[in-house]
Amino acid sequence: MKTATALPAPALFYKPRVKKLLIKGIIYLTSEKLFTFASVIAALWSWWGVCTDDTNTIAYGAMVWLAAFTPWAWRQTARDLRQDRLGLKQW
């Protein structure tokens, strides 16, 4: 016997605490893709500082790299600690 009408999806009884766009943004900002992109930009920026003999430009390139590296490193460290706690990671 075939059902003539589809069953309605259950309604949410609560409002989501965090917007999906915010979650996706946080995931992207801590991703390896952003780290790679920022590393290339930082390398070009620092190279331009070396070519023009400008120490401030070299420092800005280093700050861009550090700003991209820090969240990515935190995410990887948290993942390693979580997997180690669950017994999934074999050192």
N, C-alpha and C. Protein backbone atom coordinates (compact mmCIF):
# COMPACT_ATOMS: atom_id res chain seq x y z
N MET A 1 0.84 -1.17 0.00
CA MET A 1 0.00 0.00 0.00
C MET A 1 0.89 1.24 0.00
N LYS A 2 0.67 2.11 -0.94
CA LYS A 2 1.47 3.32 -1.06
C LYS A 2 0.85 4.45 -0.24
N THR A 3 1.71 5.26 0.30
CA THR A 3 1.24 6.41 1.07
C THR A 3 0.96 7.55 0.11
N ALA A 4 -0.18 8.16 0.24
CA ALA A 4 -0.58 9.22 -0.68
C ALA A 4 0.08 10.55 -0.33
N THR A 5 0.32 10.81 0.93
CA THR A 5 0.92 12.08 1.33
C THR A 5 2.20 11.81 2.10
N ALA A 6 3.10 12.73 1.97
CA ALA A 6 4.36 12.61 2.71
C ALA A 6 4.16 13.05 4.15
N LEU A 7 4.90 12.45 5.03
CA LEU A 7 4.82 12.83 6.43
C LEU A 7 5.56 14.14 6.65
N PRO A 8 4.99 15.06 7.41
CA PRO A 8 5.68 16.33 7.64
C PRO A 8 6.89 16.14 8.55
N ALA A 9 7.89 16.96 8.32
CA ALA A 9 9.09 16.93 9.16
C ALA A 9 8.75 17.51 10.53
N PRO A 10 9.32 16.96 11.58
CA PRO A 10 9.02 17.50 12.91
C PRO A 10 9.59 18.91 13.07
N ALA A 11 8.83 19.76 13.69
CA ALA A 11 9.27 21.14 13.91
C ALA A 11 10.27 21.19 15.05
N LEU A 12 11.17 22.16 14.95
CA LEU A 12 12.14 22.35 16.03
C LEU A 12 11.43 22.99 17.22
N PHE A 13 11.66 22.44 18.39
CA PHE A 13 11.06 22.99 19.60
C PHE A 13 11.93 24.07 20.22
N TYR A 14 13.11 24.26 19.68
CA TYR A 14 14.03 25.26 20.22
C TYR A 14 14.70 25.99 19.07
N LYS A 15 15.17 27.18 19.36
CA LYS A 15 15.90 27.93 18.35
C LYS A 15 17.36 27.50 18.39
N PRO A 16 17.98 27.33 17.25
CA PRO A 16 19.41 27.00 17.27
C PRO A 16 20.19 28.13 17.94
N ARG A 17 21.15 27.77 18.76
CA ARG A 17 21.92 28.78 19.51
C ARG A 17 22.89 29.54 18.61
N VAL A 18 23.46 28.83 17.64
CA VAL A 18 24.48 29.44 16.79
C VAL A 18 24.02 29.34 15.34
N LYS A 19 24.22 30.39 14.60
CA LYS A 19 23.85 30.38 13.19
C LYS A 19 24.78 29.47 12.41
N LYS A 20 24.26 28.85 11.37
CA LYS A 20 25.06 27.94 10.55
C LYS A 20 26.20 28.68 9.86
N LEU A 21 25.95 29.92 9.44
CA LEU A 21 26.99 30.69 8.77
C LEU A 21 28.17 30.95 9.69
N LEU A 22 27.90 31.21 10.96
CA LEU A 22 28.97 31.43 11.93
C LEU A 22 29.81 30.17 12.09
N ILE A 23 29.15 29.02 12.17
CA ILE A 23 29.88 27.76 12.32
C ILE A 23 30.74 27.50 11.10
N LYS A 24 30.17 27.71 9.91
CA LYS A 24 30.95 27.49 8.68
C LYS A 24 32.12 28.47 8.60
N GLY A 25 31.91 29.69 9.05
CA GLY A 25 32.99 30.68 9.04
C GLY A 25 34.13 30.28 9.96
N ILE A 26 33.81 29.78 11.14
CA ILE A 26 34.84 29.34 12.08
C ILE A 26 35.60 28.15 11.51
N ILE A 27 34.88 27.22 10.90
CA ILE A 27 35.54 26.06 10.30
C ILE A 27 36.48 26.51 9.19
N TYR A 28 36.05 27.46 8.35
CA TYR A 28 36.91 27.93 7.26
C TYR A 28 38.12 28.68 7.80
N LEU A 29 37.92 29.50 8.83
CA LEU A 29 39.04 30.28 9.37
C LEU A 29 40.09 29.42 10.05
N THR A 30 39.73 28.21 10.44
CA THR A 30 40.70 27.31 11.05
C THR A 30 41.11 26.19 10.10
N SER A 31 40.78 26.32 8.82
CA SER A 31 41.06 25.25 7.87
C SER A 31 42.47 25.36 7.30
N GLU A 32 42.89 24.27 6.71
CA GLU A 32 44.21 24.23 6.08
C GLU A 32 44.22 25.05 4.79
N LYS A 33 43.06 25.19 4.15
CA LYS A 33 42.97 25.98 2.91
C LYS A 33 43.33 27.44 3.17
N LEU A 34 42.76 28.01 4.23
CA LEU A 34 43.07 29.40 4.56
C LEU A 34 44.53 29.54 4.97
N PHE A 35 45.04 28.56 5.72
CA PHE A 35 46.44 28.62 6.14
C PHE A 35 47.37 28.60 4.92
N THR A 36 47.07 27.75 3.94
CA THR A 36 47.90 27.69 2.73
C THR A 36 47.82 29.00 1.95
N PHE A 37 46.61 29.52 1.79
CA PHE A 37 46.43 30.78 1.07
C PHE A 37 47.17 31.92 1.76
N ALA A 38 47.02 32.02 3.07
CA ALA A 38 47.68 33.09 3.82
C ALA A 38 49.19 32.92 3.81
N SER A 39 49.67 31.68 3.79
CA SER A 39 51.12 31.45 3.74
C SER A 39 51.71 31.94 2.43
N VAL A 40 51.00 31.71 1.33
CA VAL A 40 51.47 32.19 0.03
C VAL A 40 51.47 33.71 0.00
N ILE A 41 50.40 34.32 0.50
CA ILE A 41 50.33 35.79 0.54
C ILE A 41 51.44 36.35 1.43
N ALA A 42 51.67 35.72 2.58
CA ALA A 42 52.72 36.19 3.50
C ALA A 42 54.10 36.04 2.88
N ALA A 43 54.32 34.95 2.15
CA ALA A 43 55.62 34.76 1.49
C ALA A 43 55.85 35.83 0.43
N LEU A 44 54.82 36.12 -0.36
CA LEU A 44 54.96 37.17 -1.38
C LEU A 44 55.17 38.53 -0.74
N TRP A 45 54.46 38.79 0.34
CA TRP A 45 54.57 40.06 1.04
C TRP A 45 55.98 40.22 1.62
N SER A 46 56.49 39.17 2.24
CA SER A 46 57.84 39.23 2.81
C SER A 46 58.89 39.34 1.71
N TRP A 47 58.68 38.63 0.60
CA TRP A 47 59.62 38.72 -0.52
C TRP A 47 59.66 40.15 -1.06
N TRP A 48 58.48 40.79 -1.14
CA TRP A 48 58.45 42.18 -1.60
C TRP A 48 59.19 43.08 -0.61
N GLY A 49 59.09 42.80 0.67
CA GLY A 49 59.82 43.57 1.67
C GLY A 49 61.32 43.40 1.56
N VAL A 50 61.76 42.19 1.22
CA VAL A 50 63.20 41.95 1.03
C VAL A 50 63.68 42.69 -0.22
N CYS A 51 62.88 42.65 -1.29
CA CYS A 51 63.28 43.32 -2.53
C CYS A 51 63.36 44.83 -2.36
N THR A 52 62.46 45.40 -1.59
CA THR A 52 62.46 46.85 -1.40
C THR A 52 63.25 47.28 -0.17
N ASP A 53 63.83 46.32 0.53
CA ASP A 53 64.62 46.57 1.74
C ASP A 53 63.80 47.34 2.78
N ASP A 54 62.58 46.85 3.02
CA ASP A 54 61.66 47.47 3.97
C ASP A 54 61.36 46.46 5.08
N THR A 55 61.86 46.72 6.27
CA THR A 55 61.68 45.77 7.37
C THR A 55 60.23 45.72 7.86
N ASN A 56 59.50 46.82 7.74
CA ASN A 56 58.09 46.82 8.16
C ASN A 56 57.26 45.88 7.29
N THR A 57 57.52 45.87 5.99
CA THR A 57 56.78 44.98 5.09
C THR A 57 57.10 43.52 5.41
N ILE A 58 58.34 43.22 5.73
CA ILE A 58 58.71 41.85 6.12
C ILE A 58 57.97 41.46 7.40
N ALA A 59 57.89 42.38 8.35
CA ALA A 59 57.19 42.10 9.61
C ALA A 59 55.70 41.90 9.38
N TYR A 60 55.10 42.68 8.48
CA TYR A 60 53.68 42.50 8.17
C TYR A 60 53.43 41.13 7.56
N GLY A 61 54.32 40.69 6.69
CA GLY A 61 54.20 39.35 6.11
C GLY A 61 54.27 38.27 7.18
N ALA A 62 55.16 38.46 8.14
CA ALA A 62 55.28 37.49 9.24
C ALA A 62 54.03 37.49 10.10
N MET A 63 53.44 38.66 10.34
CA MET A 63 52.22 38.74 11.14
C MET A 63 51.04 38.08 10.43
N VAL A 64 50.97 38.23 9.11
CA VAL A 64 49.91 37.57 8.34
C VAL A 64 50.05 36.06 8.47
N TRP A 65 51.27 35.56 8.34
CA TRP A 65 51.49 34.12 8.45
C TRP A 65 51.13 33.63 9.86
N LEU A 66 51.55 34.36 10.87
CA LEU A 66 51.26 33.96 12.25
C LEU A 66 49.76 34.01 12.54
N ALA A 67 49.07 35.00 11.99
CA ALA A 67 47.62 35.11 12.19
C ALA A 67 46.88 33.94 11.55
N ALA A 68 47.41 33.38 10.48
CA ALA A 68 46.77 32.23 9.84
C ALA A 68 47.21 30.92 10.48
N PHE A 69 48.44 30.87 10.98
CA PHE A 69 48.97 29.64 11.54
C PHE A 69 48.37 29.31 12.90
N THR A 70 48.15 30.31 13.73
CA THR A 70 47.72 30.09 15.11
C THR A 70 46.37 29.35 15.21
N PRO A 71 45.29 29.81 14.53
CA PRO A 71 44.02 29.06 14.65
C PRO A 71 44.11 27.65 14.08
N TRP A 72 44.84 27.50 12.99
CA TRP A 72 45.01 26.18 12.38
C TRP A 72 45.75 25.24 13.33
N ALA A 73 46.79 25.74 13.98
CA ALA A 73 47.55 24.92 14.92
C ALA A 73 46.70 24.55 16.14
N TRP A 74 45.89 25.48 16.63
CA TRP A 74 45.00 25.17 17.75
C TRP A 74 44.02 24.07 17.37
N ARG A 75 43.48 24.15 16.17
CA ARG A 75 42.52 23.14 15.72
C ARG A 75 43.18 21.76 15.62
N GLN A 76 44.38 21.71 15.05
CA GLN A 76 45.07 20.43 14.91
C GLN A 76 45.44 19.86 16.28
N THR A 77 45.89 20.71 17.19
CA THR A 77 46.25 20.25 18.53
C THR A 77 45.02 19.73 19.27
N ALA A 78 43.91 20.45 19.17
CA ALA A 78 42.68 20.00 19.83
C ALA A 78 42.22 18.67 19.25
N ARG A 79 42.35 18.50 17.94
CA ARG A 79 41.96 17.24 17.31
C ARG A 79 42.84 16.09 17.80
N ASP A 80 44.15 16.33 17.88
CA ASP A 80 45.06 15.29 18.36
C ASP A 80 44.76 14.91 19.81
N LEU A 81 44.50 15.90 20.65
CA LEU A 81 44.18 15.62 22.05
C LEU A 81 42.87 14.84 22.18
N ARG A 82 41.87 15.22 21.38
CA ARG A 82 40.59 14.52 21.40
C ARG A 82 40.75 13.06 20.97
N GLN A 83 41.51 12.84 19.89
CA GLN A 83 41.71 11.47 19.40
C GLN A 83 42.52 10.66 20.38
N ASP A 84 43.49 11.29 21.03
CA ASP A 84 44.29 10.58 22.02
C ASP A 84 43.44 10.19 23.23
N ARG A 85 42.56 11.07 23.66
CA ARG A 85 41.69 10.79 24.80
C ARG A 85 40.72 9.64 24.48
N LEU A 86 40.28 9.56 23.22
CA LEU A 86 39.36 8.49 22.82
C LEU A 86 40.08 7.19 22.48
N GLY A 87 41.41 7.24 22.41
CA GLY A 87 42.18 6.05 22.09
C GLY A 87 42.27 5.77 20.61
N LEU A 88 42.00 6.77 19.78
CA LEU A 88 42.04 6.57 18.33
C LEU A 88 43.42 6.85 17.74
N LYS A 89 44.24 7.59 18.46
CA LYS A 89 45.55 7.98 17.94
C LYS A 89 46.62 7.13 18.60
N GLN A 90 47.44 6.52 17.80
CA GLN A 90 48.54 5.71 18.30
C GLN A 90 49.84 6.47 18.07
N TRP A 91 50.47 6.93 19.13
CA TRP A 91 51.71 7.70 19.00
C TRP A 91 52.80 6.75 18.77
